Amino acid sequence: AADHGHEKIVKLLLEYGAEVNIQSKNDGFSALMLAADKGHEGIVRLLLENDADSSLAGFALRTAGDYARLKGYKAIEALLVGPERKIPDIKIQRKKDINEGATKALVNAIWNDDFDGVIKSIENGADVNPPSGSEDIPVVLAAAQGHIDIVALLLQEGADVNAKDSVDISALTKACGACYINIVDLLIKNGAEVTSNAAIAASIHKNPDILKLLNKARTMQSAPQ
């Protein structure tokens, strides 16, 4: 019912005790994910009012908020993930010597979306700019996770905006593939190169705002200096 936009039926089922967070055994989709993916804002609101869990992920490791973002349903995305994160103005006092333990802690903090942990790791000497081709490039990882505040902080602390991970993927490519528009914008403003991989990633979901940003950046980067 949620998949096909039948709001009255969804409401009736919930009134009769339907489990709001049950997930498909085939793909892990919940009613909230299906409604978000199809742009049924009224059903999304109804499900949330009935305690639908927006943090659940299906077998593709995507949440309802992810599906809304990938389809460009900004109002639904806002309902599911809340207001956009702000980029904080923070000055960090870093140790001069790079500390391997702090670097590992930085990667873990990014995975766990622990902004305070990121700050502490950098203060303790984490390498924000490991050699391109390393398995865990902090700025690439943060972009892939959609953590714009962490991406901004890493760039501020000297992370290479064009660094690539062990499979030759940059932060811009990750952000384009996941439709994180504001991260794409931030990376481009900090000099991210529009590579063929980034263009291919953007073409998957064809988000018009991202395509516009890439085309503008590509034009500027190809212009004679």
N, C-alpha and C. Protein backbone atom coordinates (compact mmCIF):
# COMPACT_ATOMS: atom_id res chain seq x y z
N ALA A 1 0.82 -1.20 0.00
CA ALA A 1 0.00 0.00 0.00
C ALA A 1 0.87 1.26 0.00
N ALA A 2 1.93 1.25 0.79
CA ALA A 2 2.84 2.40 0.83
C ALA A 2 3.53 2.59 -0.51
N ASP A 3 3.88 1.49 -1.15
CA ASP A 3 4.57 1.53 -2.43
C ASP A 3 3.71 2.19 -3.50
N HIS A 4 2.43 1.92 -3.50
CA HIS A 4 1.52 2.41 -4.54
C HIS A 4 0.81 3.70 -4.17
N GLY A 5 1.12 4.25 -3.01
CA GLY A 5 0.57 5.55 -2.64
C GLY A 5 -0.85 5.52 -2.10
N HIS A 6 -1.27 4.37 -1.58
CA HIS A 6 -2.63 4.24 -1.06
C HIS A 6 -2.65 4.65 0.41
N GLU A 7 -2.73 5.97 0.64
CA GLU A 7 -2.60 6.49 2.00
C GLU A 7 -3.73 6.02 2.92
N LYS A 8 -4.96 5.99 2.41
CA LYS A 8 -6.08 5.57 3.25
C LYS A 8 -5.93 4.12 3.69
N ILE A 9 -5.42 3.29 2.78
CA ILE A 9 -5.24 1.88 3.12
C ILE A 9 -4.12 1.73 4.15
N VAL A 10 -3.04 2.49 3.97
CA VAL A 10 -1.94 2.45 4.94
C VAL A 10 -2.46 2.83 6.32
N LYS A 11 -3.26 3.89 6.37
CA LYS A 11 -3.82 4.35 7.65
C LYS A 11 -4.69 3.27 8.28
N LEU A 12 -5.52 2.63 7.47
CA LEU A 12 -6.41 1.57 7.97
C LEU A 12 -5.60 0.39 8.51
N LEU A 13 -4.58 0.00 7.77
CA LEU A 13 -3.75 -1.12 8.21
C LEU A 13 -3.06 -0.83 9.54
N LEU A 14 -2.59 0.40 9.68
CA LEU A 14 -1.94 0.78 10.93
C LEU A 14 -2.94 0.77 12.09
N GLU A 15 -4.16 1.23 11.81
CA GLU A 15 -5.19 1.23 12.86
C GLU A 15 -5.52 -0.19 13.31
N TYR A 16 -5.35 -1.16 12.41
CA TYR A 16 -5.65 -2.56 12.74
C TYR A 16 -4.41 -3.32 13.22
N GLY A 17 -3.35 -2.55 13.52
CA GLY A 17 -2.19 -3.16 14.16
C GLY A 17 -1.07 -3.62 13.27
N ALA A 18 -1.04 -3.19 12.03
CA ALA A 18 0.07 -3.58 11.15
C ALA A 18 1.39 -3.11 11.74
N GLU A 19 2.43 -3.94 11.64
CA GLU A 19 3.76 -3.60 12.15
C GLU A 19 4.40 -2.57 11.23
N VAL A 20 4.61 -1.36 11.74
CA VAL A 20 5.06 -0.25 10.90
C VAL A 20 6.48 -0.44 10.40
N ASN A 21 7.30 -1.18 11.15
CA ASN A 21 8.72 -1.30 10.78
C ASN A 21 9.09 -2.65 10.18
N ILE A 22 8.11 -3.44 9.82
CA ILE A 22 8.42 -4.73 9.22
C ILE A 22 9.15 -4.53 7.89
N GLN A 23 10.14 -5.39 7.62
CA GLN A 23 10.95 -5.26 6.41
C GLN A 23 10.80 -6.50 5.53
N SER A 24 10.84 -6.26 4.22
CA SER A 24 10.72 -7.36 3.26
C SER A 24 11.88 -8.34 3.40
N LYS A 25 11.59 -9.62 3.32
CA LYS A 25 12.63 -10.63 3.37
C LYS A 25 13.42 -10.70 2.06
N ASN A 26 12.88 -10.07 1.02
CA ASN A 26 13.55 -10.11 -0.29
C ASN A 26 14.61 -9.03 -0.45
N ASP A 27 14.29 -7.81 0.01
CA ASP A 27 15.22 -6.70 -0.20
C ASP A 27 15.42 -5.82 1.02
N GLY A 28 14.72 -6.13 2.11
CA GLY A 28 14.89 -5.34 3.32
C GLY A 28 14.14 -4.03 3.34
N PHE A 29 13.30 -3.78 2.34
CA PHE A 29 12.55 -2.54 2.28
C PHE A 29 11.48 -2.52 3.38
N SER A 30 11.31 -1.36 3.99
CA SER A 30 10.20 -1.11 4.90
C SER A 30 9.18 -0.24 4.17
N ALA A 31 8.01 -0.09 4.77
CA ALA A 31 6.99 0.78 4.16
C ALA A 31 7.51 2.20 4.02
N LEU A 32 8.28 2.66 5.00
CA LEU A 32 8.82 4.02 4.95
C LEU A 32 9.80 4.18 3.79
N MET A 33 10.63 3.19 3.57
CA MET A 33 11.57 3.26 2.44
C MET A 33 10.83 3.31 1.12
N LEU A 34 9.80 2.48 0.99
CA LEU A 34 9.04 2.45 -0.27
C LEU A 34 8.34 3.78 -0.51
N ALA A 35 7.73 4.33 0.53
CA ALA A 35 7.03 5.61 0.39
C ALA A 35 8.00 6.72 0.03
N ALA A 36 9.17 6.72 0.66
CA ALA A 36 10.18 7.74 0.37
C ALA A 36 10.70 7.61 -1.05
N ASP A 37 10.93 6.38 -1.48
CA ASP A 37 11.46 6.12 -2.82
C ASP A 37 10.48 6.54 -3.90
N LYS A 38 9.18 6.45 -3.62
CA LYS A 38 8.17 6.80 -4.62
C LYS A 38 7.65 8.23 -4.47
N GLY A 39 8.13 8.93 -3.46
CA GLY A 39 7.73 10.34 -3.31
C GLY A 39 6.37 10.55 -2.69
N HIS A 40 5.90 9.59 -1.90
CA HIS A 40 4.58 9.71 -1.27
C HIS A 40 4.72 10.41 0.09
N GLU A 41 4.75 11.75 0.05
CA GLU A 41 5.04 12.52 1.25
C GLU A 41 3.99 12.31 2.34
N GLY A 42 2.72 12.25 1.96
CA GLY A 42 1.67 12.07 2.95
C GLY A 42 1.82 10.76 3.70
N ILE A 43 2.19 9.70 3.00
CA ILE A 43 2.37 8.40 3.64
C ILE A 43 3.62 8.42 4.52
N VAL A 44 4.67 9.11 4.08
CA VAL A 44 5.87 9.23 4.91
C VAL A 44 5.51 9.89 6.23
N ARG A 45 4.74 10.98 6.16
CA ARG A 45 4.32 11.67 7.39
C ARG A 45 3.49 10.74 8.28
N LEU A 46 2.58 10.03 7.66
CA LEU A 46 1.70 9.13 8.41
C LEU A 46 2.51 8.04 9.10
N LEU A 47 3.46 7.46 8.40
CA LEU A 47 4.28 6.40 8.98
C LEU A 47 5.14 6.92 10.12
N LEU A 48 5.71 8.12 9.94
CA LEU A 48 6.53 8.71 11.00
C LEU A 48 5.69 9.00 12.24
N GLU A 49 4.45 9.45 12.02
CA GLU A 49 3.55 9.71 13.15
C GLU A 49 3.23 8.44 13.92
N ASN A 50 3.39 7.30 13.24
CA ASN A 50 3.13 6.00 13.85
C ASN A 50 4.42 5.26 14.21
N ASP A 51 5.45 6.05 14.46
CA ASP A 51 6.73 5.54 14.98
C ASP A 51 7.53 4.71 13.99
N ALA A 52 7.42 5.00 12.71
CA ALA A 52 8.29 4.35 11.73
C ALA A 52 9.74 4.76 12.01
N ASP A 53 10.65 3.82 11.92
CA ASP A 53 12.05 4.05 12.22
C ASP A 53 12.79 4.47 10.94
N SER A 54 13.18 5.73 10.88
CA SER A 54 13.86 6.24 9.68
C SER A 54 15.31 5.80 9.59
N SER A 55 15.84 5.19 10.64
CA SER A 55 17.23 4.76 10.62
C SER A 55 17.41 3.34 10.07
N LEU A 56 16.31 2.63 9.84
CA LEU A 56 16.41 1.28 9.28
C LEU A 56 17.02 1.32 7.89
N ALA A 57 17.83 0.32 7.58
CA ALA A 57 18.43 0.21 6.25
C ALA A 57 18.05 -1.13 5.63
N GLY A 58 17.86 -1.13 4.31
CA GLY A 58 17.56 -2.36 3.59
C GLY A 58 18.84 -3.10 3.25
N PHE A 59 18.71 -4.12 2.41
CA PHE A 59 19.87 -4.93 2.06
C PHE A 59 20.92 -4.13 1.28
N ALA A 60 20.49 -3.03 0.65
CA ALA A 60 21.43 -2.18 -0.08
C ALA A 60 22.10 -1.16 0.84
N LEU A 61 21.83 -1.27 2.15
CA LEU A 61 22.40 -0.39 3.17
C LEU A 61 21.96 1.06 2.99
N ARG A 62 20.77 1.25 2.45
CA ARG A 62 20.21 2.59 2.29
C ARG A 62 18.98 2.76 3.17
N THR A 63 18.87 3.94 3.75
CA THR A 63 17.73 4.26 4.58
C THR A 63 16.65 4.95 3.74
N ALA A 64 15.51 5.21 4.38
CA ALA A 64 14.45 5.95 3.68
C ALA A 64 14.95 7.32 3.25
N GLY A 65 15.75 7.96 4.09
CA GLY A 65 16.30 9.27 3.75
C GLY A 65 17.20 9.21 2.53
N ASP A 66 17.96 8.13 2.42
CA ASP A 66 18.82 7.94 1.24
C ASP A 66 17.99 7.86 -0.04
N TYR A 67 16.90 7.09 0.02
CA TYR A 67 16.07 6.94 -1.18
C TYR A 67 15.42 8.26 -1.57
N ALA A 68 15.00 9.04 -0.59
CA ALA A 68 14.41 10.34 -0.88
C ALA A 68 15.43 11.27 -1.52
N ARG A 69 16.66 11.25 -1.00
CA ARG A 69 17.71 12.12 -1.54
C ARG A 69 18.08 11.72 -2.96
N LEU A 70 18.22 10.42 -3.20
CA LEU A 70 18.60 9.94 -4.53
C LEU A 70 17.56 10.28 -5.59
N LYS A 71 16.30 10.36 -5.18
CA LYS A 71 15.23 10.70 -6.13
C LYS A 71 14.96 12.21 -6.18
N GLY A 72 15.62 12.96 -5.33
CA GLY A 72 15.45 14.41 -5.35
C GLY A 72 14.21 14.92 -4.63
N TYR A 73 13.66 14.12 -3.72
CA TYR A 73 12.49 14.53 -2.95
C TYR A 73 12.96 15.28 -1.70
N LYS A 74 13.24 16.56 -1.86
CA LYS A 74 13.88 17.33 -0.80
C LYS A 74 12.99 17.47 0.44
N ALA A 75 11.68 17.67 0.25
CA ALA A 75 10.79 17.83 1.39
C ALA A 75 10.73 16.54 2.22
N ILE A 76 10.70 15.42 1.52
CA ILE A 76 10.66 14.13 2.23
C ILE A 76 11.99 13.88 2.92
N GLU A 77 13.07 14.20 2.27
CA GLU A 77 14.39 14.02 2.88
C GLU A 77 14.49 14.83 4.17
N ALA A 78 13.97 16.06 4.14
CA ALA A 78 14.01 16.91 5.33
C ALA A 78 13.20 16.29 6.47
N LEU A 79 12.08 15.67 6.13
CA LEU A 79 11.27 15.01 7.15
C LEU A 79 12.04 13.86 7.81
N LEU A 80 12.82 13.17 7.01
CA LEU A 80 13.46 11.95 7.47
C LEU A 80 14.81 12.17 8.16
N VAL A 81 15.56 13.13 7.69
CA VAL A 81 16.91 13.31 8.24
C VAL A 81 17.09 14.62 9.00
N GLY A 82 16.07 15.48 9.00
CA GLY A 82 16.16 16.71 9.75
C GLY A 82 16.86 17.81 8.97
N PRO A 83 17.10 18.94 9.64
CA PRO A 83 17.72 20.08 8.95
C PRO A 83 19.15 19.79 8.52
N GLU A 84 19.57 20.49 7.50
CA GLU A 84 20.93 20.31 6.98
C GLU A 84 21.97 20.71 8.03
N ARG A 85 23.03 19.95 8.06
CA ARG A 85 24.10 20.26 9.01
C ARG A 85 24.77 21.58 8.64
N LYS A 86 25.16 22.31 9.66
CA LYS A 86 25.89 23.55 9.44
C LYS A 86 27.39 23.26 9.53
N ILE A 87 28.15 24.03 8.79
CA ILE A 87 29.60 23.89 8.82
C ILE A 87 30.14 24.76 9.95
N PRO A 88 30.69 24.14 10.98
CA PRO A 88 31.16 24.91 12.15
C PRO A 88 32.45 25.65 11.87
N ASP A 89 32.66 26.72 12.60
CA ASP A 89 33.88 27.50 12.50
C ASP A 89 34.76 27.11 13.68
N ILE A 90 35.70 26.20 13.44
CA ILE A 90 36.53 25.65 14.51
C ILE A 90 38.00 25.77 14.16
N LYS A 91 38.79 26.18 15.14
CA LYS A 91 40.24 26.23 14.97
C LYS A 91 40.85 25.11 15.81
N ILE A 92 41.68 24.30 15.18
CA ILE A 92 42.25 23.14 15.85
C ILE A 92 43.76 23.33 16.06
N GLN A 93 44.20 23.03 17.26
CA GLN A 93 45.62 23.03 17.58
C GLN A 93 46.15 21.61 17.39
N ARG A 94 46.89 21.39 16.32
CA ARG A 94 47.34 20.04 15.98
C ARG A 94 48.76 19.78 16.47
N LYS A 95 49.01 18.52 16.83
CA LYS A 95 50.38 18.12 17.11
C LYS A 95 51.16 18.08 15.79
N LYS A 96 52.43 18.40 15.85
CA LYS A 96 53.22 18.47 14.63
C LYS A 96 53.48 17.08 14.03
N ASP A 97 53.72 16.11 14.89
CA ASP A 97 54.05 14.77 14.41
C ASP A 97 52.80 13.96 14.16
N ILE A 98 52.80 13.21 13.04
CA ILE A 98 51.66 12.36 12.70
C ILE A 98 51.66 11.12 13.59
N ASN A 99 50.50 10.82 14.12
CA ASN A 99 50.34 9.69 15.03
C ASN A 99 49.46 8.63 14.37
N GLU A 100 49.99 7.42 14.22
CA GLU A 100 49.26 6.35 13.53
C GLU A 100 47.98 5.97 14.28
N GLY A 101 48.07 5.92 15.59
CA GLY A 101 46.89 5.59 16.38
C GLY A 101 45.79 6.62 16.22
N ALA A 102 46.19 7.89 16.18
CA ALA A 102 45.22 8.97 16.00
C ALA A 102 44.59 8.91 14.62
N THR A 103 45.39 8.48 13.62
CA THR A 103 44.86 8.35 12.26
C THR A 103 43.79 7.27 12.20
N LYS A 104 44.03 6.14 12.87
CA LYS A 104 43.03 5.08 12.92
C LYS A 104 41.78 5.56 13.66
N ALA A 105 41.99 6.34 14.72
CA ALA A 105 40.86 6.87 15.48
C ALA A 105 40.04 7.84 14.62
N LEU A 106 40.73 8.58 13.74
CA LEU A 106 40.04 9.50 12.84
C LEU A 106 39.12 8.74 11.90
N VAL A 107 39.61 7.68 11.32
CA VAL A 107 38.80 6.86 10.41
C VAL A 107 37.58 6.29 11.14
N ASN A 108 37.80 5.79 12.35
CA ASN A 108 36.69 5.24 13.13
C ASN A 108 35.67 6.32 13.47
N ALA A 109 36.14 7.51 13.79
CA ALA A 109 35.24 8.61 14.13
C ALA A 109 34.38 9.01 12.93
N ILE A 110 34.97 9.00 11.75
CA ILE A 110 34.21 9.32 10.54
C ILE A 110 33.15 8.26 10.30
N TRP A 111 33.53 6.99 10.42
CA TRP A 111 32.57 5.90 10.23
C TRP A 111 31.39 6.04 11.20
N ASN A 112 31.69 6.49 12.42
CA ASN A 112 30.66 6.59 13.46
C ASN A 112 29.99 7.95 13.52
N ASP A 113 30.32 8.81 12.56
CA ASP A 113 29.74 10.16 12.52
C ASP A 113 29.94 10.88 13.86
N ASP A 114 31.15 10.78 14.37
CA ASP A 114 31.50 11.36 15.67
C ASP A 114 32.35 12.61 15.43
N PHE A 115 31.69 13.75 15.33
CA PHE A 115 32.40 14.99 15.01
C PHE A 115 33.42 15.35 16.09
N ASP A 116 33.04 15.20 17.34
CA ASP A 116 33.98 15.50 18.43
C ASP A 116 35.18 14.56 18.37
N GLY A 117 34.93 13.29 18.00
CA GLY A 117 36.01 12.34 17.86
C GLY A 117 36.96 12.71 16.73
N VAL A 118 36.41 13.26 15.66
CA VAL A 118 37.24 13.72 14.54
C VAL A 118 38.16 14.85 15.02
N ILE A 119 37.59 15.79 15.75
CA ILE A 119 38.39 16.92 16.26
C ILE A 119 39.52 16.42 17.15
N LYS A 120 39.17 15.53 18.08
CA LYS A 120 40.17 15.00 19.03
C LYS A 120 41.27 14.26 18.28
N SER A 121 40.91 13.49 17.27
CA SER A 121 41.90 12.73 16.50
C SER A 121 42.87 13.65 15.79
N ILE A 122 42.33 14.71 15.20
CA ILE A 122 43.19 15.66 14.50
C ILE A 122 44.11 16.37 15.48
N GLU A 123 43.57 16.74 16.62
CA GLU A 123 44.39 17.39 17.66
C GLU A 123 45.53 16.47 18.10
N ASN A 124 45.27 15.17 18.10
CA ASN A 124 46.28 14.20 18.57
C ASN A 124 47.25 13.76 17.48
N GLY A 125 47.15 14.38 16.30
CA GLY A 125 48.13 14.12 15.26
C GLY A 125 47.70 13.18 14.15
N ALA A 126 46.38 13.03 13.94
CA ALA A 126 45.91 12.19 12.85
C ALA A 126 46.35 12.75 11.50
N ASP A 127 46.65 11.85 10.57
CA ASP A 127 47.03 12.25 9.22
C ASP A 127 45.75 12.45 8.41
N VAL A 128 45.41 13.71 8.14
CA VAL A 128 44.19 13.99 7.37
C VAL A 128 44.42 13.83 5.88
N ASN A 129 45.67 13.62 5.51
CA ASN A 129 46.00 13.59 4.09
C ASN A 129 46.96 12.45 3.77
N PRO A 130 46.52 11.18 4.02
CA PRO A 130 47.38 10.04 3.69
C PRO A 130 47.60 9.96 2.18
N PRO A 131 48.60 9.21 1.75
CA PRO A 131 48.88 9.12 0.31
C PRO A 131 47.66 8.66 -0.49
N SER A 132 47.45 9.28 -1.63
CA SER A 132 46.36 8.87 -2.50
C SER A 132 46.55 7.42 -2.88
N GLY A 133 45.47 6.66 -2.83
CA GLY A 133 45.55 5.23 -3.10
C GLY A 133 45.48 4.39 -1.85
N SER A 134 45.51 5.06 -0.68
CA SER A 134 45.36 4.34 0.58
C SER A 134 43.94 3.81 0.69
N GLU A 135 43.76 2.80 1.52
CA GLU A 135 42.44 2.18 1.64
C GLU A 135 41.41 3.14 2.23
N ASP A 136 41.81 3.87 3.28
CA ASP A 136 40.88 4.80 3.93
C ASP A 136 41.39 6.23 3.81
N ILE A 137 40.85 6.96 2.86
CA ILE A 137 41.15 8.39 2.72
C ILE A 137 40.07 9.16 3.46
N PRO A 138 40.41 9.86 4.54
CA PRO A 138 39.39 10.50 5.37
C PRO A 138 38.37 11.35 4.62
N VAL A 139 38.82 12.20 3.72
CA VAL A 139 37.88 13.09 3.03
C VAL A 139 36.97 12.30 2.09
N VAL A 140 37.46 11.23 1.50
CA VAL A 140 36.64 10.38 0.62
C VAL A 140 35.59 9.66 1.46
N LEU A 141 36.02 9.14 2.59
CA LEU A 141 35.11 8.43 3.48
C LEU A 141 34.01 9.34 4.01
N ALA A 142 34.39 10.55 4.42
CA ALA A 142 33.41 11.50 4.96
C ALA A 142 32.40 11.92 3.89
N ALA A 143 32.88 12.11 2.66
CA ALA A 143 31.99 12.48 1.56
C ALA A 143 31.01 11.35 1.26
N ALA A 144 31.50 10.12 1.29
CA ALA A 144 30.65 8.96 1.02
C ALA A 144 29.55 8.82 2.06
N GLN A 145 29.86 9.22 3.30
CA GLN A 145 28.89 9.11 4.39
C GLN A 145 27.94 10.31 4.45
N GLY A 146 28.24 11.36 3.70
CA GLY A 146 27.37 12.53 3.70
C GLY A 146 27.61 13.49 4.84
N HIS A 147 28.79 13.42 5.46
CA HIS A 147 29.09 14.25 6.62
C HIS A 147 29.74 15.57 6.17
N ILE A 148 28.92 16.54 5.80
CA ILE A 148 29.47 17.78 5.24
C ILE A 148 30.31 18.54 6.25
N ASP A 149 29.94 18.47 7.53
CA ASP A 149 30.71 19.18 8.54
C ASP A 149 32.11 18.57 8.67
N ILE A 150 32.21 17.26 8.59
CA ILE A 150 33.52 16.60 8.68
C ILE A 150 34.33 16.86 7.41
N VAL A 151 33.68 16.82 6.25
CA VAL A 151 34.38 17.11 5.00
C VAL A 151 34.98 18.51 5.07
N ALA A 152 34.20 19.49 5.51
CA ALA A 152 34.67 20.87 5.60
C ALA A 152 35.86 20.99 6.55
N LEU A 153 35.77 20.31 7.68
CA LEU A 153 36.84 20.37 8.66
C LEU A 153 38.13 19.75 8.11
N LEU A 154 38.00 18.61 7.43
CA LEU A 154 39.18 17.95 6.86
C LEU A 154 39.85 18.83 5.80
N LEU A 155 39.04 19.47 4.96
CA LEU A 155 39.61 20.37 3.95
C LEU A 155 40.31 21.54 4.62
N GLN A 156 39.70 22.07 5.67
CA GLN A 156 40.31 23.17 6.42
C GLN A 156 41.67 22.77 6.98
N GLU A 157 41.77 21.50 7.38
CA GLU A 157 43.00 21.02 8.01
C GLU A 157 44.01 20.45 7.00
N GLY A 158 43.75 20.67 5.72
CA GLY A 158 44.76 20.34 4.72
C GLY A 158 44.53 19.08 3.91
N ALA A 159 43.37 18.46 4.02
CA ALA A 159 43.10 17.26 3.22
C ALA A 159 43.10 17.61 1.73
N ASP A 160 43.67 16.74 0.93
CA ASP A 160 43.72 16.94 -0.52
C ASP A 160 42.33 16.66 -1.10
N VAL A 161 41.72 17.68 -1.67
CA VAL A 161 40.36 17.54 -2.18
C VAL A 161 40.27 16.54 -3.33
N ASN A 162 41.40 16.31 -4.01
CA ASN A 162 41.40 15.39 -5.15
C ASN A 162 42.03 14.03 -4.84
N ALA A 163 42.26 13.74 -3.56
CA ALA A 163 42.82 12.45 -3.18
C ALA A 163 41.87 11.32 -3.58
N LYS A 164 42.45 10.17 -3.95
CA LYS A 164 41.64 9.02 -4.36
C LYS A 164 41.98 7.82 -3.49
N ASP A 165 40.99 6.98 -3.27
CA ASP A 165 41.20 5.81 -2.43
C ASP A 165 41.82 4.66 -3.21
N SER A 166 41.82 3.49 -2.63
CA SER A 166 42.50 2.34 -3.23
C SER A 166 41.85 1.85 -4.52
N VAL A 167 40.62 2.28 -4.78
CA VAL A 167 39.96 1.90 -6.04
C VAL A 167 39.81 3.11 -6.96
N ASP A 168 40.64 4.13 -6.73
CA ASP A 168 40.74 5.30 -7.61
C ASP A 168 39.47 6.17 -7.60
N ILE A 169 38.81 6.24 -6.44
CA ILE A 169 37.59 7.05 -6.32
C ILE A 169 37.86 8.26 -5.44
N SER A 170 37.43 9.43 -5.90
CA SER A 170 37.63 10.67 -5.16
C SER A 170 36.40 11.02 -4.32
N ALA A 171 36.56 12.01 -3.46
CA ALA A 171 35.44 12.48 -2.64
C ALA A 171 34.31 13.00 -3.53
N LEU A 172 34.67 13.70 -4.61
CA LEU A 172 33.65 14.25 -5.50
C LEU A 172 32.84 13.13 -6.16
N THR A 173 33.51 12.08 -6.58
CA THR A 173 32.81 10.95 -7.19
C THR A 173 31.84 10.32 -6.21
N LYS A 174 32.27 10.13 -4.96
CA LYS A 174 31.40 9.56 -3.93
C LYS A 174 30.18 10.46 -3.70
N ALA A 175 30.41 11.75 -3.58
CA ALA A 175 29.32 12.68 -3.30
C ALA A 175 28.33 12.74 -4.47
N CYS A 176 28.85 12.68 -5.70
CA CYS A 176 27.98 12.69 -6.88
C CYS A 176 27.12 11.42 -6.92
N GLY A 177 27.74 10.29 -6.65
CA GLY A 177 27.02 9.02 -6.72
C GLY A 177 25.93 8.91 -5.68
N ALA A 178 26.11 9.58 -4.54
CA ALA A 178 25.12 9.52 -3.46
C ALA A 178 24.20 10.74 -3.45
N CYS A 179 24.38 11.64 -4.41
CA CYS A 179 23.53 12.84 -4.54
C CYS A 179 23.61 13.78 -3.34
N TYR A 180 24.80 13.92 -2.78
CA TYR A 180 24.98 14.89 -1.70
C TYR A 180 25.33 16.23 -2.36
N ILE A 181 24.31 16.97 -2.71
CA ILE A 181 24.48 18.19 -3.50
C ILE A 181 25.40 19.20 -2.82
N ASN A 182 25.17 19.44 -1.53
CA ASN A 182 25.94 20.47 -0.84
C ASN A 182 27.41 20.07 -0.67
N ILE A 183 27.67 18.77 -0.57
CA ILE A 183 29.06 18.32 -0.50
C ILE A 183 29.72 18.47 -1.86
N VAL A 184 28.99 18.17 -2.91
CA VAL A 184 29.51 18.39 -4.27
C VAL A 184 29.90 19.85 -4.44
N ASP A 185 29.03 20.74 -4.03
CA ASP A 185 29.27 22.17 -4.14
C ASP A 185 30.50 22.58 -3.34
N LEU A 186 30.59 22.09 -2.11
CA LEU A 186 31.73 22.41 -1.23
C LEU A 186 33.04 21.93 -1.85
N LEU A 187 33.06 20.71 -2.35
CA LEU A 187 34.28 20.15 -2.92
C LEU A 187 34.72 20.94 -4.16
N ILE A 188 33.77 21.28 -5.01
CA ILE A 188 34.10 22.04 -6.21
C ILE A 188 34.66 23.41 -5.84
N LYS A 189 34.05 24.05 -4.85
CA LYS A 189 34.54 25.36 -4.41
C LYS A 189 35.94 25.27 -3.84
N ASN A 190 36.32 24.08 -3.40
CA ASN A 190 37.67 23.88 -2.86
C ASN A 190 38.62 23.26 -3.88
N GLY A 191 38.22 23.30 -5.15
CA GLY A 191 39.13 22.90 -6.22
C GLY A 191 39.05 21.47 -6.69
N ALA A 192 37.97 20.76 -6.36
CA ALA A 192 37.84 19.37 -6.80
C ALA A 192 37.78 19.30 -8.32
N GLU A 193 38.54 18.38 -8.87
CA GLU A 193 38.57 18.19 -10.32
C GLU A 193 37.39 17.31 -10.75
N VAL A 194 36.70 17.75 -11.81
CA VAL A 194 35.58 16.97 -12.34
C VAL A 194 36.15 15.90 -13.27
N THR A 195 36.35 14.72 -12.74
CA THR A 195 36.91 13.62 -13.51
C THR A 195 35.80 12.87 -14.24
N SER A 196 36.21 11.96 -15.12
CA SER A 196 35.23 11.14 -15.83
C SER A 196 34.45 10.26 -14.86
N ASN A 197 35.11 9.79 -13.80
CA ASN A 197 34.41 8.97 -12.79
C ASN A 197 33.33 9.77 -12.09
N ALA A 198 33.61 11.02 -11.78
CA ALA A 198 32.62 11.87 -11.12
C ALA A 198 31.42 12.09 -12.05
N ALA A 199 31.69 12.33 -13.32
CA ALA A 199 30.62 12.53 -14.29
C ALA A 199 29.75 11.29 -14.44
N ILE A 200 30.40 10.12 -14.45
CA ILE A 200 29.66 8.87 -14.56
C ILE A 200 28.79 8.66 -13.33
N ALA A 201 29.35 8.94 -12.15
CA ALA A 201 28.59 8.79 -10.91
C ALA A 201 27.36 9.70 -10.90
N ALA A 202 27.54 10.92 -11.39
CA ALA A 202 26.43 11.87 -11.42
C ALA A 202 25.36 11.46 -12.42
N SER A 203 25.77 10.75 -13.46
CA SER A 203 24.82 10.35 -14.51
C SER A 203 23.89 9.22 -14.07
N ILE A 204 24.23 8.55 -12.98
CA ILE A 204 23.41 7.43 -12.51
C ILE A 204 22.02 7.90 -12.10
N HIS A 205 21.97 8.95 -11.28
CA HIS A 205 20.69 9.45 -10.79
C HIS A 205 20.24 10.72 -11.50
N LYS A 206 21.17 11.32 -12.27
CA LYS A 206 20.84 12.50 -13.08
C LYS A 206 20.20 13.62 -12.28
N ASN A 207 20.74 13.88 -11.09
CA ASN A 207 20.26 15.00 -10.29
C ASN A 207 20.59 16.30 -11.01
N PRO A 208 19.59 17.09 -11.38
CA PRO A 208 19.84 18.29 -12.19
C PRO A 208 20.75 19.30 -11.51
N ASP A 209 20.65 19.44 -10.19
CA ASP A 209 21.48 20.40 -9.48
C ASP A 209 22.95 19.99 -9.52
N ILE A 210 23.21 18.70 -9.36
CA ILE A 210 24.59 18.21 -9.41
C ILE A 210 25.15 18.31 -10.82
N LEU A 211 24.35 17.94 -11.81
CA LEU A 211 24.82 18.04 -13.19
C LEU A 211 25.15 19.48 -13.56
N LYS A 212 24.36 20.41 -13.06
CA LYS A 212 24.62 21.83 -13.33
C LYS A 212 25.94 22.27 -12.68
N LEU A 213 26.17 21.84 -11.44
CA LEU A 213 27.41 22.18 -10.75
C LEU A 213 28.63 21.61 -11.48
N LEU A 214 28.52 20.36 -11.92
CA LEU A 214 29.64 19.73 -12.63
C LEU A 214 29.92 20.39 -13.97
N ASN A 215 28.87 20.70 -14.71
CA ASN A 215 29.06 21.35 -16.02
C ASN A 215 29.71 22.71 -15.87
N LYS A 216 29.28 23.46 -14.86
CA LYS A 216 29.87 24.77 -14.63
C LYS A 216 31.34 24.64 -14.24
N ALA A 217 31.63 23.70 -13.34
CA ALA A 217 33.00 23.50 -12.90
C ALA A 217 33.89 23.01 -14.04
N ARG A 218 33.37 22.12 -14.86
CA ARG A 218 34.14 21.58 -15.97
C ARG A 218 34.48 22.69 -16.97
N THR A 219 33.53 23.58 -17.22
CA THR A 219 33.76 24.70 -18.13
C THR A 219 34.86 25.61 -17.60
N MET A 220 34.81 25.89 -16.30
CA MET A 220 35.82 26.77 -15.69
C MET A 220 37.18 26.10 -15.68
N GLN A 221 37.21 24.79 -15.43
CA GLN A 221 38.50 24.09 -15.36
C GLN A 221 39.14 23.92 -16.71
N SER A 222 38.33 23.88 -17.76
CA SER A 222 38.88 23.72 -19.12
C SER A 222 39.22 25.04 -19.80
N ALA A 223 38.81 26.14 -19.15
CA ALA A 223 39.06 27.46 -19.75
C ALA A 223 40.56 27.79 -19.69
N PRO A 224 41.08 28.48 -20.69
CA PRO A 224 42.51 28.88 -20.68
C PRO A 224 42.83 29.72 -19.48
N GLN A 225 43.95 29.44 -18.89
CA GLN A 225 44.36 30.20 -17.70
C GLN A 225 45.13 31.46 -18.11
